[in-house]
Amino acid sequence: MRRTFLILVAAVLAVAGTTAAAPTTTAVAKAPAVVKAPAVVKASAATQQYGTHPRQSLNITWNPSPAPRPVIILITGGYWYTHASWGTWEKQFAYQGFQVFAMKYRLNTDAAWPAQRDDVVGAVKWVRDNAEQYDADPDNILLVGSSAGGQMATDAATHGTNALGLKGVVALSPVASPYRAWQDGNTSTVDKIRKLRDNSTLLARCYPDPADNSTAHREMGCWDTWRDMESKNAVNKGDAPMLLVHSDGDFVPPAHSTELEAAAKAAGVPASDVTTRIVTGSTAHGGSLLNTPGMSDTVISWLKARTT
């Protein structure tokens, strides 16, 4: 549908450049910023392909261990249009006792949704199949996703009722509702919010039109694709536990997560298995939320509590 539109969107995004992308909420009090020195980690590093596309890769940070260690698969953000960096957090998570696999995936310029979901499935399968090589526990896999990667993480938690057998998912500023991102971008003058709208549209390969059932540029009809990208539309009480985090000034507003939390609880997900935390007085987004006071400790403790 509207091939001219897609060409224009891609051209606009190329000119714009690439910048890294009622439920109970728990407020985290504002405190002076604390910058932690990077931990010294004597970890091995490797890069492996989990698929045939050049972007289907895993950057592995792991420590040899006599006993298998739990796994964190990191899913970067970047509007589904580029891959943002995790900075030192790959090593920080390895320092905390996890074997870390930071995945890249096909971007929205490479393939339409649900290719990105398929890449998460492929990465998890590769890690399970090769866990022994990296002293990793294939039965203890967790996801940590940021921004657009957070949407992919919440999708993995809910799609197919945790078909991937994940122990838990942490989503930092997840774009859990691309449709909300599209709506917000239509009324906002903020560049990041409008860019998120445009990239959500490129991901779906169409505007969200309930009357559009064309599959010319995607696997499903247009409206079905937009519905399928919404994590809240697939919630079930058997979903993987989720910790959802935003700042109150996040350009991906907390409503993305509070609506997902409400839908999950309405579907029977235990209250202890889905929680939204909001950092007050902050505009931190995605991975930078881990630098807000106390949040890295909260996330790491939550992840450790869900491993066996």
C-alpha atoms as a PDB file:
ATOM      1  CA  MET A   1       0.000   0.000   0.000  1.00  0.00           C
ATOM      2  CA  ARG A   2       1.151   3.482  -0.875  1.00  0.00           C
ATOM      3  CA  ARG A   3       4.639   2.623  -2.147  1.00  0.00           C
ATOM      4  CA  THR A   4       5.256   6.359  -2.724  1.00  0.00           C
ATOM      5  CA  PHE A   5       4.603   6.963   0.983  1.00  0.00           C
ATOM      6  CA  LEU A   6       7.199   4.385   2.033  1.00  0.00           C
ATOM      7  CA  ILE A   7       9.838   5.883  -0.243  1.00  0.00           C
ATOM      8  CA  LEU A   8       9.145   9.346   1.186  1.00  0.00           C
ATOM      9  CA  VAL A   9       9.291   8.089   4.791  1.00  0.00           C
ATOM     10  CA  ALA A  10      12.616   6.351   4.191  1.00  0.00           C
ATOM     11  CA  ALA A  11      14.016   9.481   2.549  1.00  0.00           C
ATOM     12  CA  VAL A  12      12.881  11.731   5.404  1.00  0.00           C
ATOM     13  CA  LEU A  13      14.366   9.407   7.982  1.00  0.00           C
ATOM     14  CA  ALA A  14      17.661   9.240   6.126  1.00  0.00           C
ATOM     15  CA  VAL A  15      17.886  13.038   6.142  1.00  0.00           C
ATOM     16  CA  ALA A  16      16.793  13.266   9.771  1.00  0.00           C
ATOM     17  CA  GLY A  17      19.665  11.042  10.883  1.00  0.00           C
ATOM     18  CA  THR A  18      19.652   8.300  13.470  1.00  0.00           C
ATOM     19  CA  THR A  19      19.269   8.918  17.176  1.00  0.00           C
ATOM     20  CA  ALA A  20      18.972   6.002  19.581  1.00  0.00           C
ATOM     21  CA  ALA A  21      15.241   5.322  20.427  1.00  0.00           C
ATOM     22  CA  ALA A  22      -5.663   1.819  36.066  1.00  0.00           C
ATOM     23  CA  PRO A  23      -2.536  -0.061  37.070  1.00  0.00           C
ATOM     24  CA  THR A  24      -0.351   0.326  40.076  1.00  0.00           C
ATOM     25  CA  THR A  25       2.868   2.232  39.473  1.00  0.00           C
ATOM     26  CA  THR A  26       5.778   2.658  41.826  1.00  0.00           C
ATOM     27  CA  ALA A  27       7.415   6.071  41.865  1.00  0.00           C
ATOM     28  CA  VAL A  28      11.147   6.328  42.372  1.00  0.00           C
ATOM     29  CA  ALA A  29      12.044   9.524  44.183  1.00  0.00           C
ATOM     30  CA  LYS A  30      14.323  12.017  42.450  1.00  0.00           C
ATOM     31  CA  ALA A  31      17.852  12.133  43.742  1.00  0.00           C
ATOM     32  CA  PRO A  32      21.132  13.658  42.572  1.00  0.00           C
ATOM     33  CA  ALA A  33      22.566  11.833  39.579  1.00  0.00           C
ATOM     34  CA  VAL A  34      25.158   9.234  40.467  1.00  0.00           C
ATOM     35  CA  VAL A  35      27.668   8.166  37.858  1.00  0.00           C
ATOM     36  CA  LYS A  36      29.081   4.728  38.536  1.00  0.00           C
ATOM     37  CA  ALA A  37      32.574   3.849  37.442  1.00  0.00           C
ATOM     38  CA  PRO A  38      32.581   0.898  35.041  1.00  0.00           C
ATOM     39  CA  ALA A  39      33.130  -2.385  36.823  1.00  0.00           C
ATOM     40  CA  VAL A  40      36.309  -4.263  36.071  1.00  0.00           C
ATOM     41  CA  VAL A  41      35.191  -7.381  34.271  1.00  0.00           C
ATOM     42  CA  LYS A  42      37.530 -10.077  33.077  1.00  0.00           C
ATOM     43  CA  ALA A  43      35.052 -11.384  30.559  1.00  0.00           C
ATOM     44  CA  SER A  44      35.613 -13.036  27.233  1.00  0.00           C
ATOM     45  CA  ALA A  45      34.022 -11.528  24.133  1.00  0.00           C
ATOM     46  CA  ALA A  46      32.797 -13.027  20.899  1.00  0.00           C
ATOM     47  CA  THR A  47      30.495 -12.198  18.005  1.00  0.00           C
ATOM     48  CA  GLN A  48      28.326 -14.823  16.359  1.00  0.00           C
ATOM     49  CA  GLN A  49      25.636 -14.884  13.673  1.00  0.00           C
ATOM     50  CA  TYR A  50      22.270 -16.383  14.609  1.00  0.00           C
ATOM     51  CA  GLY A  51      20.922 -15.936  11.091  1.00  0.00           C
ATOM     52  CA  THR A  52      21.981 -15.282   7.510  1.00  0.00           C
ATOM     53  CA  HIS A  53      21.286 -11.537   7.407  1.00  0.00           C
ATOM     54  CA  PRO A  54      24.353  -9.429   8.314  1.00  0.00           C
ATOM     55  CA  ARG A  55      22.437  -7.746  11.157  1.00  0.00           C
ATOM     56  CA  GLN A  56      21.361 -11.027  12.762  1.00  0.00           C
ATOM     57  CA  SER A  57      24.277 -11.082  15.171  1.00  0.00           C
ATOM     58  CA  LEU A  58      25.060 -11.541  18.858  1.00  0.00           C
ATOM     59  CA  ASN A  59      27.811  -9.761  20.760  1.00  0.00           C
ATOM     60  CA  ILE A  60      28.659 -12.145  23.596  1.00  0.00           C
ATOM     61  CA  THR A  61      30.202 -11.105  26.920  1.00  0.00           C
ATOM     62  CA  TRP A  62      30.744 -14.094  29.182  1.00  0.00           C
ATOM     63  CA  ASN A  63      32.818 -15.420  32.030  1.00  0.00           C
ATOM     64  CA  PRO A  64      34.024 -19.029  32.029  1.00  0.00           C
ATOM     65  CA  SER A  65      32.250 -20.765  34.879  1.00  0.00           C
ATOM     66  CA  PRO A  66      32.268 -24.265  36.389  1.00  0.00           C
ATOM     67  CA  ALA A  67      28.464 -24.074  36.629  1.00  0.00           C
ATOM     68  CA  PRO A  68      26.158 -22.680  33.929  1.00  0.00           C
ATOM     69  CA  ARG A  69      25.152 -19.072  34.540  1.00  0.00           C
ATOM     70  CA  PRO A  70      21.794 -17.448  33.729  1.00  0.00           C
ATOM     71  CA  VAL A  71      21.517 -15.626  30.414  1.00  0.00           C
ATOM     72  CA  ILE A  72      20.540 -12.061  29.581  1.00  0.00           C
ATOM     73  CA  ILE A  73      19.737 -11.278  25.969  1.00  0.00           C
ATOM     74  CA  LEU A  74      19.915  -7.511  25.427  1.00  0.00           C
ATOM     75  CA  ILE A  75      17.726  -5.996  22.691  1.00  0.00           C
ATOM     76  CA  THR A  76      18.839  -2.532  21.695  1.00  0.00           C
ATOM     77  CA  GLY A  77      16.594   0.363  20.762  1.00  0.00           C
ATOM     78  CA  GLY A  78      16.908   2.888  17.959  1.00  0.00           C
ATOM     79  CA  TYR A  79      13.397   3.390  16.527  1.00  0.00           C
ATOM     80  CA  TRP A  80      13.683  -0.029  14.803  1.00  0.00           C
ATOM     81  CA  TYR A  81      15.714   2.094  12.340  1.00  0.00           C
ATOM     82  CA  THR A  82      19.207   1.818  13.805  1.00  0.00           C
ATOM     83  CA  HIS A  83      20.957  -0.024  16.624  1.00  0.00           C
ATOM     84  CA  ALA A  84      21.768   2.001  19.734  1.00  0.00           C
ATOM     85  CA  SER A  85      24.655   1.100  22.029  1.00  0.00           C
ATOM     86  CA  TRP A  86      24.392  -0.453  25.486  1.00  0.00           C
ATOM     87  CA  GLY A  87      27.620   1.295  26.512  1.00  0.00           C
ATOM     88  CA  THR A  88      29.228  -0.524  29.444  1.00  0.00           C
ATOM     89  CA  TRP A  89      26.105  -2.435  30.442  1.00  0.00           C
ATOM     90  CA  GLU A  90      27.058  -5.628  28.641  1.00  0.00           C
ATOM     91  CA  LYS A  91      30.062  -5.888  30.963  1.00  0.00           C
ATOM     92  CA  GLN A  92      28.102  -4.645  33.970  1.00  0.00           C
ATOM     93  CA  PHE A  93      25.539  -7.441  33.618  1.00  0.00           C
ATOM     94  CA  ALA A  94      28.343  -9.971  33.106  1.00  0.00           C
ATOM     95  CA  TYR A  95      29.972  -8.682  36.300  1.00  0.00           C
ATOM     96  CA  GLN A  96      26.699  -9.465  38.100  1.00  0.00           C
ATOM     97  CA  GLY A  97      26.905 -13.141  37.155  1.00  0.00           C
ATOM     98  CA  PHE A  98      25.046 -13.323  33.848  1.00  0.00           C
ATOM     99  CA  GLN A  99      26.254 -14.523  30.472  1.00  0.00           C
ATOM    100  CA  VAL A 100      25.291 -11.659  28.167  1.00  0.00           C
ATOM    101  CA  PHE A 101      24.212 -11.822  24.523  1.00  0.00           C
ATOM    102  CA  ALA A 102      23.535  -8.405  22.957  1.00  0.00           C
ATOM    103  CA  MET A 103      21.520  -8.989  19.810  1.00  0.00           C
ATOM    104  CA  LYS A 104      21.128  -6.979  16.645  1.00  0.00           C
ATOM    105  CA  TYR A 105      18.198  -7.572  14.336  1.00  0.00           C
ATOM    106  CA  ARG A 106      16.735  -6.657  10.982  1.00  0.00           C
ATOM    107  CA  LEU A 107      15.692  -3.020  10.930  1.00  0.00           C
ATOM    108  CA  ASN A 108      12.441  -1.586   9.602  1.00  0.00           C
ATOM    109  CA  THR A 109      14.305  -0.635   6.411  1.00  0.00           C
ATOM    110  CA  ASP A 110      15.280  -4.297   5.968  1.00  0.00           C
ATOM    111  CA  ALA A 111      11.950  -5.997   6.629  1.00  0.00           C
ATOM    112  CA  ALA A 112       8.454  -5.288   7.897  1.00  0.00           C
ATOM    113  CA  TRP A 113       7.003  -6.603  11.142  1.00  0.00           C
ATOM    114  CA  PRO A 114       6.971  -9.441  12.252  1.00  0.00           C
ATOM    115  CA  ALA A 115      10.533 -10.006  11.022  1.00  0.00           C
ATOM    116  CA  GLN A 116      11.846  -8.427  14.226  1.00  0.00           C
ATOM    117  CA  ARG A 117       9.814 -10.866  16.328  1.00  0.00           C
ATOM    118  CA  ASP A 118      11.240 -13.708  14.271  1.00  0.00           C
ATOM    119  CA  ASP A 119      14.742 -12.419  14.994  1.00  0.00           C
ATOM    120  CA  VAL A 120      14.141 -12.558  18.754  1.00  0.00           C
ATOM    121  CA  VAL A 121      12.929 -16.141  18.334  1.00  0.00           C
ATOM    122  CA  GLY A 122      16.021 -16.952  16.279  1.00  0.00           C
ATOM    123  CA  ALA A 123      18.394 -15.366  18.783  1.00  0.00           C
ATOM    124  CA  VAL A 124      16.847 -17.212  21.744  1.00  0.00           C
ATOM    125  CA  LYS A 125      17.034 -20.505  19.869  1.00  0.00           C
ATOM    126  CA  TRP A 126      20.688 -19.928  18.942  1.00  0.00           C
ATOM    127  CA  VAL A 127      21.591 -19.137  22.549  1.00  0.00           C
ATOM    128  CA  ARG A 128      19.850 -22.293  23.772  1.00  0.00           C
ATOM    129  CA  ASP A 129      21.505 -24.436  21.126  1.00  0.00           C
ATOM    130  CA  ASN A 130      24.969 -23.033  21.902  1.00  0.00           C
ATOM    131  CA  ALA A 131      24.634 -22.430  25.640  1.00  0.00           C
ATOM    132  CA  GLU A 132      27.184 -25.036  26.674  1.00  0.00           C
ATOM    133  CA  GLN A 133      29.913 -23.327  24.653  1.00  0.00           C
ATOM    134  CA  TYR A 134      29.498 -20.189  26.769  1.00  0.00           C
ATOM    135  CA  ASP A 135      28.805 -21.798  30.172  1.00  0.00           C
ATOM    136  CA  ALA A 136      25.237 -20.525  29.907  1.00  0.00           C
ATOM    137  CA  ASP A 137      22.093 -22.066  31.352  1.00  0.00           C
ATOM    138  CA  PRO A 138      19.582 -22.663  28.521  1.00  0.00           C
ATOM    139  CA  ASP A 139      16.762 -22.959  31.053  1.00  0.00           C
ATOM    140  CA  ASN A 140      17.395 -19.526  32.585  1.00  0.00           C
ATOM    141  CA  ILE A 141      17.035 -16.933  29.832  1.00  0.00           C
ATOM    142  CA  LEU A 142      15.888 -13.359  30.456  1.00  0.00           C
ATOM    143  CA  LEU A 143      15.411 -10.437  28.074  1.00  0.00           C
ATOM    144  CA  VAL A 144      16.278  -6.793  28.668  1.00  0.00           C
ATOM    145  CA  GLY A 145      14.980  -4.487  25.930  1.00  0.00           C
ATOM    146  CA  SER A 146      15.306  -0.743  25.434  1.00  0.00           C
ATOM    147  CA  SER A 147      12.791   1.510  23.647  1.00  0.00           C
ATOM    148  CA  ALA A 148      11.995  -0.176  20.298  1.00  0.00           C
ATOM    149  CA  GLY A 149      13.861  -3.194  21.667  1.00  0.00           C
ATOM    150  CA  GLY A 150      11.565  -2.967  24.677  1.00  0.00           C
ATOM    151  CA  GLN A 151       8.582  -3.473  22.376  1.00  0.00           C
ATOM    152  CA  MET A 152      10.280  -6.587  21.002  1.00  0.00           C
ATOM    153  CA  ALA A 153      10.890  -7.787  24.578  1.00  0.00           C
ATOM    154  CA  THR A 154       7.281  -7.282  25.729  1.00  0.00           C
ATOM    155  CA  ASP A 155       6.121  -8.971  22.533  1.00  0.00           C
ATOM    156  CA  ALA A 156       8.303 -11.974  23.412  1.00  0.00           C
ATOM    157  CA  ALA A 157       6.803 -12.044  26.907  1.00  0.00           C
ATOM    158  CA  THR A 158       3.230 -12.103  25.648  1.00  0.00           C
ATOM    159  CA  HIS A 159       3.134 -13.570  22.141  1.00  0.00           C
ATOM    160  CA  GLY A 160       2.153 -17.221  22.189  1.00  0.00           C
ATOM    161  CA  THR A 161       1.856 -17.156  25.992  1.00  0.00           C
ATOM    162  CA  ASN A 162       5.604 -17.011  26.616  1.00  0.00           C
ATOM    163  CA  ALA A 163       6.285 -19.561  23.911  1.00  0.00           C
ATOM    164  CA  LEU A 164      10.015 -18.857  24.312  1.00  0.00           C
ATOM    165  CA  GLY A 165      10.009 -20.056  27.917  1.00  0.00           C
ATOM    166  CA  LEU A 166      11.584 -16.873  29.271  1.00  0.00           C
ATOM    167  CA  LYS A 167      12.163 -16.427  32.995  1.00  0.00           C
ATOM    168  CA  GLY A 168      11.455 -12.714  32.823  1.00  0.00           C
ATOM    169  CA  VAL A 169      11.552  -9.546  30.751  1.00  0.00           C
ATOM    170  CA  VAL A 170      12.753  -6.069  31.675  1.00  0.00           C
ATOM    171  CA  ALA A 171      11.605  -3.380  29.253  1.00  0.00           C
ATOM    172  CA  LEU A 172      13.105   0.112  29.548  1.00  0.00           C
ATOM    173  CA  SER A 173      10.886   2.758  27.903  1.00  0.00           C
ATOM    174  CA  PRO A 174       9.188   0.092  25.773  1.00  0.00           C
ATOM    175  CA  VAL A 175       7.193   1.294  22.775  1.00  0.00           C
ATOM    176  CA  ALA A 176       4.665  -1.340  23.787  1.00  0.00           C
ATOM    177  CA  SER A 177       1.982   0.364  21.692  1.00  0.00           C
ATOM    178  CA  PRO A 178       3.224   1.485  18.263  1.00  0.00           C
ATOM    179  CA  TYR A 179      -0.341   2.616  17.572  1.00  0.00           C
ATOM    180  CA  ARG A 180      -0.146   5.013  20.529  1.00  0.00           C
ATOM    181  CA  ALA A 181       3.227   6.196  19.170  1.00  0.00           C
ATOM    182  CA  TRP A 182       1.528   6.899  15.835  1.00  0.00           C
ATOM    183  CA  GLN A 183      -1.295   8.826  17.521  1.00  0.00           C
ATOM    184  CA  ASP A 184       1.080  10.838  19.723  1.00  0.00           C
ATOM    185  CA  GLY A 185       3.248  11.734  16.742  1.00  0.00           C
ATOM    186  CA  ASN A 186       0.263  13.166  14.918  1.00  0.00           C
ATOM    187  CA  THR A 187      -0.344  15.743  17.655  1.00  0.00           C
ATOM    188  CA  SER A 188       3.202  16.470  18.861  1.00  0.00           C
ATOM    189  CA  THR A 189       5.828  18.877  17.558  1.00  0.00           C
ATOM    190  CA  VAL A 190       8.647  17.058  19.388  1.00  0.00           C
ATOM    191  CA  ASP A 191      11.093  15.615  16.859  1.00  0.00           C
ATOM    192  CA  LYS A 192      11.654  12.327  18.722  1.00  0.00           C
ATOM    193  CA  ILE A 193       7.933  11.677  19.071  1.00  0.00           C
ATOM    194  CA  ARG A 194       7.288  12.409  15.401  1.00  0.00           C
ATOM    195  CA  LYS A 195      10.254  10.260  14.407  1.00  0.00           C
ATOM    196  CA  LEU A 196       8.841   7.398  16.463  1.00  0.00           C
ATOM    197  CA  ARG A 197       5.513   7.776  14.631  1.00  0.00           C
ATOM    198  CA  ASP A 198       7.229   7.677  11.244  1.00  0.00           C
ATOM    199  CA  ASN A 199       9.318   4.636  12.133  1.00  0.00           C
ATOM    200  CA  SER A 200       6.325   2.770  13.533  1.00  0.00           C
ATOM    201  CA  THR A 201       4.628   3.405  10.193  1.00  0.00           C
ATOM    202  CA  LEU A 202       7.655   2.156   8.275  1.00  0.00           C
ATOM    203  CA  LEU A 203       7.762  -0.934  10.495  1.00  0.00           C
ATOM    204  CA  ALA A 204       4.130  -1.720   9.590  1.00  0.00           C
ATOM    205  CA  ARG A 205       4.602  -0.591   5.961  1.00  0.00           C
ATOM    206  CA  CYS A 206       1.315   1.311   6.118  1.00  0.00           C
ATOM    207  CA  TYR A 207      -0.828   3.784   8.004  1.00  0.00           C
ATOM    208  CA  PRO A 208      -3.126   2.183  10.627  1.00  0.00           C
ATOM    209  CA  ASP A 209      -6.242   1.845   8.490  1.00  0.00           C
ATOM    210  CA  PRO A 210      -8.856  -0.695   9.671  1.00  0.00           C
ATOM    211  CA  ALA A 211     -10.162  -0.959   6.104  1.00  0.00           C
ATOM    212  CA  ASP A 212      -6.779  -1.890   4.616  1.00  0.00           C
ATOM    213  CA  ASN A 213      -6.420  -5.655   4.249  1.00  0.00           C
ATOM    214  CA  SER A 214      -3.710  -5.520   1.594  1.00  0.00           C
ATOM    215  CA  THR A 215      -0.714  -7.808   2.077  1.00  0.00           C
ATOM    216  CA  ALA A 216       1.343  -6.277  -0.728  1.00  0.00           C
ATOM    217  CA  HIS A 217       4.122  -5.073   1.567  1.00  0.00           C
ATOM    218  CA  ARG A 218       3.657  -7.233   4.678  1.00  0.00           C
ATOM    219  CA  GLU A 219       2.572 -10.669   5.857  1.00  0.00           C
ATOM    220  CA  MET A 220      -0.772  -9.513   7.264  1.00  0.00           C
ATOM    221  CA  GLY A 221      -3.320  -6.886   6.346  1.00  0.00           C
ATOM    222  CA  CYS A 222      -2.458  -3.380   7.502  1.00  0.00           C
ATOM    223  CA  TRP A 223      -4.811  -3.197  10.475  1.00  0.00           C
ATOM    224  CA  ASP A 224      -3.934  -6.746  11.521  1.00  0.00           C
ATOM    225  CA  THR A 225      -0.251  -5.770  11.504  1.00  0.00           C
ATOM    226  CA  TRP A 226      -0.836  -2.775  13.776  1.00  0.00           C
ATOM    227  CA  ARG A 227      -2.876  -4.928  16.147  1.00  0.00           C
ATOM    228  CA  ASP A 228      -0.179  -7.604  16.132  1.00  0.00           C
ATOM    229  CA  MET A 229       2.520  -5.078  17.102  1.00  0.00           C
ATOM    230  CA  GLU A 230       0.586  -4.215  20.300  1.00  0.00           C
ATOM    231  CA  SER A 231       1.820  -6.330  23.215  1.00  0.00           C
ATOM    232  CA  LYS A 232      -1.366  -5.729  25.204  1.00  0.00           C
ATOM    233  CA  ASN A 233      -3.420  -7.494  22.522  1.00  0.00           C
ATOM    234  CA  ALA A 234      -1.707 -10.827  23.249  1.00  0.00           C
ATOM    235  CA  VAL A 235      -1.598 -10.906  27.069  1.00  0.00           C
ATOM    236  CA  ASN A 236      -2.399 -14.129  28.885  1.00  0.00           C
ATOM    237  CA  LYS A 237      -1.977 -15.258  32.470  1.00  0.00           C
ATOM    238  CA  GLY A 238       0.819 -17.597  31.371  1.00  0.00           C
ATOM    239  CA  ASP A 239       3.007 -14.732  30.101  1.00  0.00           C
ATOM    240  CA  ALA A 240       6.584 -14.214  31.240  1.00  0.00           C
ATOM    241  CA  PRO A 241       6.963 -11.835  34.212  1.00  0.00           C
ATOM    242  CA  MET A 242       7.608  -8.233  33.164  1.00  0.00           C
ATOM    243  CA  LEU A 243       9.255  -5.236  34.823  1.00  0.00           C
ATOM    244  CA  LEU A 244       8.401  -2.089  32.842  1.00  0.00           C
ATOM    245  CA  VAL A 245      10.317   1.145  33.465  1.00  0.00           C
ATOM    246  CA  HIS A 246       9.869   4.744  32.286  1.00  0.00           C
ATOM    247  CA  SER A 247      10.707   8.218  33.488  1.00  0.00           C
ATOM    248  CA  ASP A 248       7.811  10.597  33.965  1.00  0.00           C
ATOM    249  CA  GLY A 249       9.349  12.875  31.315  1.00  0.00           C
ATOM    250  CA  ASP A 250      10.055  10.048  28.869  1.00  0.00           C
ATOM    251  CA  PHE A 251       9.240  10.833  25.230  1.00  0.00           C
ATOM    252  CA  VAL A 252       7.828   7.277  25.203  1.00  0.00           C
ATOM    253  CA  PRO A 253       5.238   7.987  27.919  1.00  0.00           C
ATOM    254  CA  PRO A 254       4.518   5.585  30.792  1.00  0.00           C
ATOM    255  CA  ALA A 255       1.047   4.951  29.343  1.00  0.00           C
ATOM    256  CA  HIS A 256       2.679   2.439  26.979  1.00  0.00           C
ATOM    257  CA  SER A 257       3.439   0.278  30.001  1.00  0.00           C
ATOM    258  CA  THR A 258       0.565   1.120  32.335  1.00  0.00           C
ATOM    259  CA  GLU A 259      -1.925   0.111  29.639  1.00  0.00           C
ATOM    260  CA  LEU A 260      -0.021  -3.135  29.083  1.00  0.00           C
ATOM    261  CA  GLU A 261       0.034  -3.787  32.834  1.00  0.00           C
ATOM    262  CA  ALA A 262      -3.698  -3.152  33.139  1.00  0.00           C
ATOM    263  CA  ALA A 263      -4.463  -5.499  30.236  1.00  0.00           C
ATOM    264  CA  ALA A 264      -2.224  -8.206  31.696  1.00  0.00           C
ATOM    265  CA  LYS A 265      -3.869  -8.045  35.100  1.00  0.00           C
ATOM    266  CA  ALA A 266      -7.324  -8.080  33.519  1.00  0.00           C
ATOM    267  CA  ALA A 267      -6.270 -11.272  31.696  1.00  0.00           C
ATOM    268  CA  GLY A 268      -5.320 -12.929  34.974  1.00  0.00           C
ATOM    269  CA  VAL A 269      -1.590 -12.257  35.165  1.00  0.00           C
ATOM    270  CA  PRO A 270      -0.644 -12.170  38.867  1.00  0.00           C
ATOM    271  CA  ALA A 271       0.050  -8.671  40.155  1.00  0.00           C
ATOM    272  CA  SER A 272       3.544  -9.760  41.204  1.00  0.00           C
ATOM    273  CA  ASP A 273       4.355 -10.757  37.602  1.00  0.00           C
ATOM    274  CA  VAL A 274       3.848  -7.387  35.927  1.00  0.00           C
ATOM    275  CA  THR A 275       4.971  -4.077  37.401  1.00  0.00           C
ATOM    276  CA  THR A 276       5.457  -0.577  36.040  1.00  0.00           C
ATOM    277  CA  ARG A 277       8.020   1.651  37.732  1.00  0.00           C
ATOM    278  CA  ILE A 278       8.187   5.361  36.979  1.00  0.00           C
ATOM    279  CA  VAL A 279      11.259   7.460  37.748  1.00  0.00           C
ATOM    280  CA  THR A 280       9.966  10.872  38.813  1.00  0.00           C
ATOM    281  CA  GLY A 281      11.525  14.184  37.867  1.00  0.00           C
ATOM    282  CA  SER A 282      13.492  12.660  35.019  1.00  0.00           C
ATOM    283  CA  THR A 283      13.565  12.571  31.230  1.00  0.00           C
ATOM    284  CA  ALA A 284      15.781   9.461  31.073  1.00  0.00           C
ATOM    285  CA  HIS A 285      14.955   7.103  28.236  1.00  0.00           C
ATOM    286  CA  GLY A 286      15.813   3.499  27.476  1.00  0.00           C
ATOM    287  CA  GLY A 287      19.165   2.255  28.707  1.00  0.00           C
ATOM    288  CA  SER A 288      19.916   5.586  30.374  1.00  0.00           C
ATOM    289  CA  LEU A 289      17.247   4.694  32.954  1.00  0.00           C
ATOM    290  CA  LEU A 290      19.826   2.291  34.402  1.00  0.00           C
ATOM    291  CA  ASN A 291      21.921   5.318  35.356  1.00  0.00           C
ATOM    292  CA  THR A 292      19.158   6.858  37.472  1.00  0.00           C
ATOM    293  CA  PRO A 293      19.629   6.455  41.241  1.00  0.00           C
ATOM    294  CA  GLY A 294      18.861   2.939  42.438  1.00  0.00           C
ATOM    295  CA  MET A 295      17.424   1.664  39.150  1.00  0.00           C
ATOM    296  CA  SER A 296      20.310  -0.605  38.135  1.00  0.00           C
ATOM    297  CA  ASP A 297      20.145  -2.287  41.542  1.00  0.00           C
ATOM    298  CA  THR A 298      16.371  -2.677  41.191  1.00  0.00           C
ATOM    299  CA  VAL A 299      16.665  -4.225  37.725  1.00  0.00           C
ATOM    300  CA  ILE A 300      19.515  -6.566  38.637  1.00  0.00           C
ATOM    301  CA  SER A 301      17.759  -7.723  41.793  1.00  0.00           C
ATOM    302  CA  TRP A 302      14.560  -8.347  39.850  1.00  0.00           C
ATOM    303  CA  LEU A 303      16.428 -10.380  37.219  1.00  0.00           C
ATOM    304  CA  LYS A 304      18.289 -12.461  39.786  1.00  0.00           C
ATOM    305  CA  ALA A 305      15.080 -13.205  41.675  1.00  0.00           C
ATOM    306  CA  ARG A 306      13.638 -14.861  38.564  1.00  0.00           C
ATOM    307  CA  THR A 307      16.472 -17.282  37.883  1.00  0.00           C
ATOM    308  CA  THR A 308      16.602 -20.756  39.369  1.00  0.00           C
END
